[in-house]
Amino acid sequence: MGKDTIVRVMVAKPGLDGHDRGAKVIARALRDAGMEVIYTGLRQTPEQIVTAALQEDVDALLLSILSGAHNHLFPRITQLLREKGGENILVMGGGVIPQDDIPGLKQAGIREVFGPGTSTEVIVNFVKENVT
């Protein structure tokens, strides 16, 4: 990206989670780092998330999940992005995700997974370093 280009990031909560404090903390940290942030709110379907990401022309998509449905929802989102021309969007995941599930998620197209306790600085730096 050009030096003066503002990075556009969408923070999304797929599935039935009713808790979004962590997602809001990350959204604020990204915003404080100078990025434009779109937050979709709770209980979004993969289709809603992908449609919004494409409409908003985001550079990165950060999925936050606590419900345990990440092995189903995250790959569905990356599949839909590929089908609809969003394969260049950097997709990351965060939340309560067992270490054993991370390799499969990365194989499905999730570039990085941030677990509980990951500092906002680590996430901000990852986005800055990996948005092309």
Protein backbone atom coordinates (compact mmCIF):
# COMPACT_ATOMS: atom_id res chain seq x y z
CA MET A 1 0.00 0.00 0.00
CA GLY A 2 1.11 3.53 -0.58
CA LYS A 3 2.48 5.47 2.36
CA ASP A 4 -0.54 7.80 2.47
CA THR A 5 -3.14 5.08 1.98
CA ILE A 6 -5.39 4.47 4.98
CA VAL A 7 -5.83 0.80 5.80
CA ARG A 8 -9.50 -0.26 5.98
CA VAL A 9 -10.21 -3.06 8.45
CA MET A 10 -13.49 -4.78 9.22
CA VAL A 11 -13.98 -6.39 12.63
CA ALA A 12 -16.73 -9.01 12.51
CA LYS A 13 -18.44 -11.35 14.97
CA PRO A 14 -19.64 -14.45 13.10
CA GLY A 15 -22.09 -16.83 14.68
CA LEU A 16 -24.11 -16.62 17.84
CA ASP A 17 -21.65 -14.97 20.22
CA GLY A 18 -23.29 -12.46 22.52
CA HIS A 19 -20.06 -10.94 23.83
CA ASP A 20 -18.03 -8.39 21.89
CA ARG A 21 -15.89 -6.51 24.39
CA GLY A 22 -12.66 -7.93 22.93
CA ALA A 23 -13.71 -7.09 19.39
CA LYS A 24 -14.44 -3.52 20.42
CA VAL A 25 -11.06 -3.20 22.16
CA ILE A 26 -9.31 -4.38 18.99
CA ALA A 27 -11.41 -2.07 16.81
CA ARG A 28 -10.43 0.91 18.97
CA ALA A 29 -6.74 -0.05 18.90
CA LEU A 30 -6.80 -0.29 15.10
CA ARG A 31 -8.59 3.05 14.89
CA ASP A 32 -6.08 4.62 17.30
CA ALA A 33 -3.31 3.33 15.01
CA GLY A 34 -4.78 5.38 12.14
CA MET A 35 -6.80 2.70 10.39
CA GLU A 36 -10.36 3.06 9.23
CA VAL A 37 -12.41 0.45 11.10
CA ILE A 38 -15.84 -0.93 10.32
CA TYR A 39 -17.46 -3.03 13.04
CA THR A 40 -20.33 -5.27 11.92
CA GLY A 41 -21.85 -5.95 15.33
CA LEU A 42 -22.96 -9.25 16.81
CA ARG A 43 -24.45 -12.39 15.27
CA GLN A 44 -23.38 -12.02 11.66
CA THR A 45 -23.63 -14.83 9.13
CA PRO A 46 -20.65 -15.61 6.90
CA GLU A 47 -22.66 -14.27 3.96
CA GLN A 48 -23.38 -10.97 5.73
CA ILE A 49 -19.72 -10.56 6.68
CA VAL A 50 -18.41 -11.26 3.18
CA THR A 51 -20.98 -8.97 1.54
CA ALA A 52 -20.08 -6.16 3.94
CA ALA A 53 -16.33 -6.68 3.50
CA LEU A 54 -16.65 -6.46 -0.28
CA GLN A 55 -19.02 -3.49 -0.20
CA GLU A 56 -16.72 -1.62 2.19
CA ASP A 57 -13.65 -2.51 0.07
CA VAL A 58 -11.65 -3.52 3.15
CA ASP A 59 -7.99 -4.46 3.12
CA ALA A 60 -8.28 -6.72 6.16
CA LEU A 61 -10.95 -8.69 7.99
CA LEU A 62 -10.59 -9.65 11.64
CA LEU A 63 -13.02 -12.32 12.81
CA SER A 64 -13.69 -12.61 16.53
CA ILE A 65 -15.33 -15.70 17.97
CA LEU A 66 -15.90 -17.25 21.37
CA SER A 67 -18.60 -19.82 20.60
CA GLY A 68 -16.39 -22.65 19.36
CA ALA A 69 -17.84 -22.57 15.84
CA HIS A 70 -14.61 -21.25 14.28
CA ASN A 71 -13.83 -24.51 12.43
CA HIS A 72 -17.08 -24.12 10.51
CA LEU A 73 -17.53 -20.34 10.23
CA PHE A 74 -13.99 -19.16 9.44
CA PRO A 75 -13.41 -21.53 6.47
CA ARG A 76 -16.88 -20.66 5.14
CA ILE A 77 -15.96 -16.97 5.17
CA THR A 78 -12.66 -17.52 3.36
CA GLN A 79 -14.42 -19.75 0.81
CA LEU A 80 -17.05 -17.09 0.12
CA LEU A 81 -14.37 -14.41 -0.21
CA ARG A 82 -12.55 -16.51 -2.83
CA GLU A 83 -15.81 -17.17 -4.71
CA LYS A 84 -16.77 -13.48 -4.74
CA GLY A 85 -13.39 -11.95 -5.63
CA GLY A 86 -12.17 -11.05 -2.16
CA GLU A 87 -9.18 -13.36 -2.06
CA ASN A 88 -6.79 -10.41 -1.58
CA ILE A 89 -8.36 -9.44 1.75
CA LEU A 90 -6.11 -10.29 4.71
CA VAL A 91 -8.25 -12.51 6.98
CA MET A 92 -7.35 -13.02 10.63
CA GLY A 93 -9.11 -14.68 13.53
CA GLY A 94 -9.21 -14.13 17.23
CA GLY A 95 -10.94 -15.27 20.36
CA VAL A 96 -11.08 -18.56 22.20
CA ILE A 97 -9.54 -20.95 19.67
CA PRO A 98 -7.68 -24.11 20.73
CA GLN A 99 -4.07 -24.35 19.53
CA ASP A 100 -4.87 -27.67 17.81
CA ASP A 101 -7.39 -25.91 15.54
CA ILE A 102 -5.04 -23.19 14.31
CA PRO A 103 -3.21 -25.20 11.57
CA GLY A 104 -6.51 -26.15 9.93
CA LEU A 105 -7.73 -22.56 10.06
CA LYS A 106 -4.51 -21.33 8.45
CA GLN A 107 -4.85 -23.98 5.77
CA ALA A 108 -8.37 -22.63 5.11
CA GLY A 109 -6.98 -19.15 4.50
CA ILE A 110 -6.87 -17.51 7.93
CA ARG A 111 -3.47 -15.75 7.88
CA GLU A 112 -3.08 -15.43 11.65
CA VAL A 113 -4.97 -16.39 14.79
CA PHE A 114 -4.76 -14.28 17.94
CA GLY A 115 -5.68 -15.95 21.20
CA PRO A 116 -6.82 -14.52 24.52
CA GLY A 117 -4.31 -12.11 26.00
CA THR A 118 -2.71 -11.12 22.69
CA SER A 119 -1.67 -7.49 22.97
CA THR A 120 -3.38 -4.99 20.72
CA GLU A 121 0.10 -3.86 19.62
CA VAL A 122 0.82 -7.32 18.19
CA ILE A 123 -2.44 -7.27 16.20
CA VAL A 124 -1.95 -3.71 14.94
CA ASN A 125 1.61 -4.50 13.84
CA PHE A 126 0.50 -7.69 12.09
CA VAL A 127 -2.09 -5.78 10.08
CA LYS A 128 0.39 -3.02 9.19
CA GLU A 129 3.03 -5.54 8.09
CA ASN A 130 0.72 -7.78 6.07
CA VAL A 131 -1.70 -5.53 4.22
CA THR A 132 -0.38 -5.24 0.68
